[in-house]
């Protein structure tokens, strides 16, 4: 059982945090029958992924799982839709609302993802509101959703979808419309569990 993390950099297939890191351009040779899940960082080459659409569709249809991070503009999987920038004026326009529980985010507070700060260690939310910068988790949305999509989080007062998943054949696709989810799995936020839960989901252990 292998979970790949595809990145935009030369990679030697070494394991880090339970993921085997590979160069995205090596996907055709790496996406074998032993692979259960694929994590795509937000900066990967979508033009190249679009060329690999038959491979990716087949991988998910036979039971694989994919996490898509970032701003989708090239439709490299059946069911994907395009990201749109959100108009925002203040943190309330970027706040998350959880509308459906999901095993990847189980036990995490949506408020914990709103602010970033250079302060080390846990910071009370009231202090984060005072010194933090909002919007790193995401500043856009996916207003058009595929059939049978399950929305996890909406963003802002317009309640536009930012995190969702959907079935594709025997597998599933999870889309996060912002910076890489793994960077938000930290003890300081109280969200360290996001990392192992994401890994388990990609291994096919959670629905």
Protein backbone atom coordinates (compact mmCIF):
# COMPACT_ATOMS: atom_id res chain seq x y z
CA UNK A 1 0.00 0.00 0.00
CA UNK A 2 1.62 3.25 -1.18
CA UNK A 3 0.54 6.88 -1.14
CA UNK A 4 2.35 9.20 -3.53
CA UNK A 5 2.96 12.91 -3.07
CA UNK A 6 3.59 14.55 -6.46
CA UNK A 7 5.71 17.70 -6.32
CA UNK A 8 7.30 20.15 -8.77
CA UNK A 9 10.87 19.20 -7.99
CA UNK A 10 13.28 16.37 -8.64
CA UNK A 11 12.41 13.62 -6.17
CA UNK A 12 14.02 10.26 -5.50
CA UNK A 13 10.98 8.38 -4.26
CA UNK A 14 11.95 8.77 -0.61
CA UNK A 15 9.35 8.50 2.15
CA UNK A 16 8.46 11.55 4.25
CA UNK A 17 5.57 11.61 6.70
CA UNK A 18 4.12 8.42 5.25
CA UNK A 19 4.11 9.72 1.68
CA UNK A 20 6.50 8.67 -1.08
CA UNK A 21 7.54 11.88 -2.78
CA UNK A 22 7.89 11.84 -6.56
CA UNK A 23 8.38 14.36 -9.33
CA UNK A 24 4.98 14.97 -10.95
CA UNK A 25 6.54 14.26 -14.36
CA UNK A 26 7.30 10.71 -13.21
CA UNK A 27 3.62 9.91 -12.59
CA UNK A 28 3.14 7.54 -15.56
CA UNK A 29 5.80 5.18 -14.27
CA UNK A 30 5.00 5.59 -10.57
CA UNK A 31 1.21 5.27 -10.53
CA UNK A 32 1.20 1.46 -10.31
CA UNK A 33 -1.31 -1.02 -8.94
CA UNK A 34 0.33 -0.81 -5.51
CA UNK A 35 -0.61 2.87 -5.18
CA UNK A 36 -3.83 3.61 -3.30
CA UNK A 37 -3.66 7.39 -3.12
CA UNK A 38 -2.13 10.43 -4.79
CA UNK A 39 -1.57 13.84 -3.17
CA UNK A 40 -1.07 16.68 -5.68
CA UNK A 41 0.57 19.81 -4.29
CA UNK A 42 -0.96 23.10 -5.33
CA UNK A 43 1.88 24.15 -7.62
CA UNK A 44 2.04 21.09 -9.87
CA UNK A 45 1.89 21.56 -13.64
CA UNK A 46 -1.79 21.37 -14.58
CA UNK A 47 -1.03 21.42 -18.29
CA UNK A 48 0.98 18.23 -17.84
CA UNK A 49 -1.73 16.70 -15.63
CA UNK A 50 -4.29 17.42 -18.35
CA UNK A 51 -2.15 15.35 -20.72
CA UNK A 52 -2.29 12.53 -18.15
CA UNK A 53 -6.06 12.69 -17.74
CA UNK A 54 -6.73 9.14 -19.02
CA UNK A 55 -4.18 7.79 -16.53
CA UNK A 56 -5.63 9.78 -13.63
CA UNK A 57 -9.25 8.96 -14.49
CA UNK A 58 -8.38 5.27 -14.70
CA UNK A 59 -6.49 5.36 -11.40
CA UNK A 60 -9.47 6.78 -9.51
CA UNK A 61 -12.09 4.76 -11.36
CA UNK A 62 -10.46 1.51 -10.26
CA UNK A 63 -10.58 2.57 -6.59
CA UNK A 64 -7.75 5.07 -6.08
CA UNK A 65 -8.05 8.34 -4.23
CA UNK A 66 -6.64 11.75 -5.15
CA UNK A 67 -6.27 14.97 -3.15
CA UNK A 68 -6.16 18.05 -5.39
CA UNK A 69 -4.78 21.23 -3.79
CA UNK A 70 -4.86 24.73 -5.19
CA UNK A 71 -6.59 26.57 -7.99
CA UNK A 72 -7.80 24.20 -10.69
CA UNK A 73 -7.83 25.85 -14.12
CA UNK A 74 -7.11 22.81 -16.33
CA UNK A 75 -9.59 19.97 -15.98
CA UNK A 76 -7.32 16.97 -15.56
CA UNK A 77 -9.91 14.64 -13.97
CA UNK A 78 -13.52 13.81 -14.75
CA UNK A 79 -15.73 15.92 -12.50
CA UNK A 80 -13.24 18.70 -11.74
CA UNK A 81 -14.46 22.28 -12.06
CA UNK A 82 -12.58 25.57 -12.21
CA UNK A 83 -11.58 27.62 -9.17
CA UNK A 84 -12.74 31.21 -8.94
CA UNK A 85 -11.27 34.06 -6.93
CA UNK A 86 -13.44 35.29 -4.08
CA UNK A 87 -14.11 38.98 -3.52
CA UNK A 88 -13.25 39.74 0.11
CA UNK A 89 -12.82 42.77 2.33
CA UNK A 90 -12.18 41.41 5.81
CA UNK A 91 -11.62 38.09 7.65
CA UNK A 92 -15.35 37.39 7.85
CA UNK A 93 -15.30 37.02 4.06
CA UNK A 94 -12.68 34.26 4.43
CA UNK A 95 -13.97 32.39 7.48
CA UNK A 96 -14.75 28.69 7.09
CA UNK A 97 -18.03 26.98 7.87
CA UNK A 98 -18.10 23.20 8.12
CA UNK A 99 -21.27 21.93 6.50
CA UNK A 100 -20.43 18.21 6.43
CA UNK A 101 -18.19 16.17 8.71
CA UNK A 102 -15.33 14.45 6.89
CA UNK A 103 -12.69 11.99 8.18
CA UNK A 104 -9.81 14.17 6.94
CA UNK A 105 -10.87 17.11 9.14
CA UNK A 106 -12.35 15.10 12.03
CA UNK A 107 -11.66 16.67 15.41
CA UNK A 108 -10.40 19.98 13.98
CA UNK A 109 -11.95 23.40 14.49
CA UNK A 110 -12.54 25.37 11.24
CA UNK A 111 -11.50 28.54 13.08
CA UNK A 112 -8.01 27.07 13.53
CA UNK A 113 -7.34 27.42 9.78
CA UNK A 114 -8.28 31.08 9.36
CA UNK A 115 -5.20 32.97 10.61
CA UNK A 116 -1.45 32.68 10.17
CA UNK A 117 1.02 34.33 12.51
CA UNK A 118 4.76 34.33 13.01
CA UNK A 119 4.28 33.71 16.73
CA UNK A 120 5.48 30.29 17.84
CA UNK A 121 3.36 28.02 19.98
CA UNK A 122 -0.42 27.95 20.48
CA UNK A 123 -2.07 31.38 20.32
CA UNK A 124 -5.62 32.05 21.64
CA UNK A 125 -8.10 32.82 18.88
CA UNK A 126 -8.77 36.33 20.23
CA UNK A 127 -5.06 37.08 19.93
CA UNK A 128 -4.97 35.62 16.42
CA UNK A 129 -7.76 37.98 15.44
CA UNK A 130 -5.60 40.86 16.65
CA UNK A 131 -2.21 39.92 15.18
CA UNK A 132 -2.88 37.25 12.55
CA UNK A 133 -3.27 37.45 8.78
CA UNK A 134 -6.33 35.74 7.30
CA UNK A 135 -6.70 33.99 3.98
CA UNK A 136 -3.80 31.55 3.74
CA UNK A 137 -6.13 28.55 3.87
CA UNK A 138 -7.97 29.80 0.81
CA UNK A 139 -9.19 32.91 -0.99
CA UNK A 140 -11.43 31.36 -3.61
CA UNK A 141 -14.09 28.78 -4.21
CA UNK A 142 -15.62 26.18 -6.51
CA UNK A 143 -19.15 27.42 -7.26
CA UNK A 144 -19.78 24.66 -9.83
CA UNK A 145 -19.75 21.18 -8.34
CA UNK A 146 -19.80 17.73 -9.94
CA UNK A 147 -22.70 15.36 -9.46
CA UNK A 148 -22.91 13.76 -6.00
CA UNK A 149 -20.30 16.14 -4.58
CA UNK A 150 -20.08 16.39 -0.80
CA UNK A 151 -19.20 19.90 0.41
CA UNK A 152 -17.05 19.92 3.55
CA UNK A 153 -16.32 23.64 4.05
CA UNK A 154 -17.74 26.81 2.64
CA UNK A 155 -15.94 30.14 2.77
CA UNK A 156 -17.13 33.58 3.75
CA UNK A 157 -20.58 35.03 4.12
CA UNK A 158 -21.55 33.84 0.64
CA UNK A 159 -21.02 30.23 1.81
CA UNK A 160 -19.23 29.27 -1.41
CA UNK A 161 -17.67 25.75 -1.47
CA UNK A 162 -13.90 25.59 -0.88
CA UNK A 163 -13.45 21.93 0.17
CA UNK A 164 -15.42 19.06 -1.34
CA UNK A 165 -15.10 15.49 -2.46
CA UNK A 166 -16.94 13.36 -4.97
CA UNK A 167 -17.04 9.76 -6.22
CA UNK A 168 -15.44 8.77 -9.49
CA UNK A 169 -15.98 5.13 -10.39
CA UNK A 170 -14.84 3.05 -7.41
CA UNK A 171 -12.61 5.85 -6.05
CA UNK A 172 -12.92 9.38 -4.72
CA UNK A 173 -11.49 12.82 -5.42
CA UNK A 174 -10.99 15.43 -2.68
CA UNK A 175 -10.50 19.04 -3.75
CA UNK A 176 -9.11 21.81 -1.52
CA UNK A 177 -9.24 25.28 -3.08
CA UNK A 178 -6.24 26.82 -1.37
CA UNK A 179 -2.69 26.27 -0.12
CA UNK A 180 -1.58 22.68 0.53
CA UNK A 181 -3.57 21.03 3.29
CA UNK A 182 -0.49 19.46 4.86
CA UNK A 183 0.91 22.86 5.82
CA UNK A 184 -2.09 23.35 8.11
CA UNK A 185 -1.42 20.16 10.09
CA UNK A 186 0.42 21.61 13.09
CA UNK A 187 0.41 21.16 16.84
CA UNK A 188 0.38 24.95 17.32
CA UNK A 189 -3.00 25.13 15.60
CA UNK A 190 -4.27 22.03 17.41
CA UNK A 191 -4.65 20.40 13.99
CA UNK A 192 -1.75 17.92 13.90
CA UNK A 193 -4.23 15.08 13.41
CA UNK A 194 -5.00 16.41 9.93
CA UNK A 195 -1.82 14.78 8.60
CA UNK A 196 -2.44 11.15 9.68
CA UNK A 197 -6.14 11.46 8.86
CA UNK A 198 -5.33 12.66 5.36
CA UNK A 199 -2.92 9.77 4.93
CA UNK A 200 -5.50 7.23 6.13
CA UNK A 201 -8.08 8.64 3.73
CA UNK A 202 -5.64 8.28 0.84
CA UNK A 203 -4.95 4.70 1.90
CA UNK A 204 -8.69 4.05 1.55
CA UNK A 205 -9.34 3.39 5.24
CA UNK A 206 -11.91 6.19 5.78
CA UNK A 207 -14.88 7.33 3.72
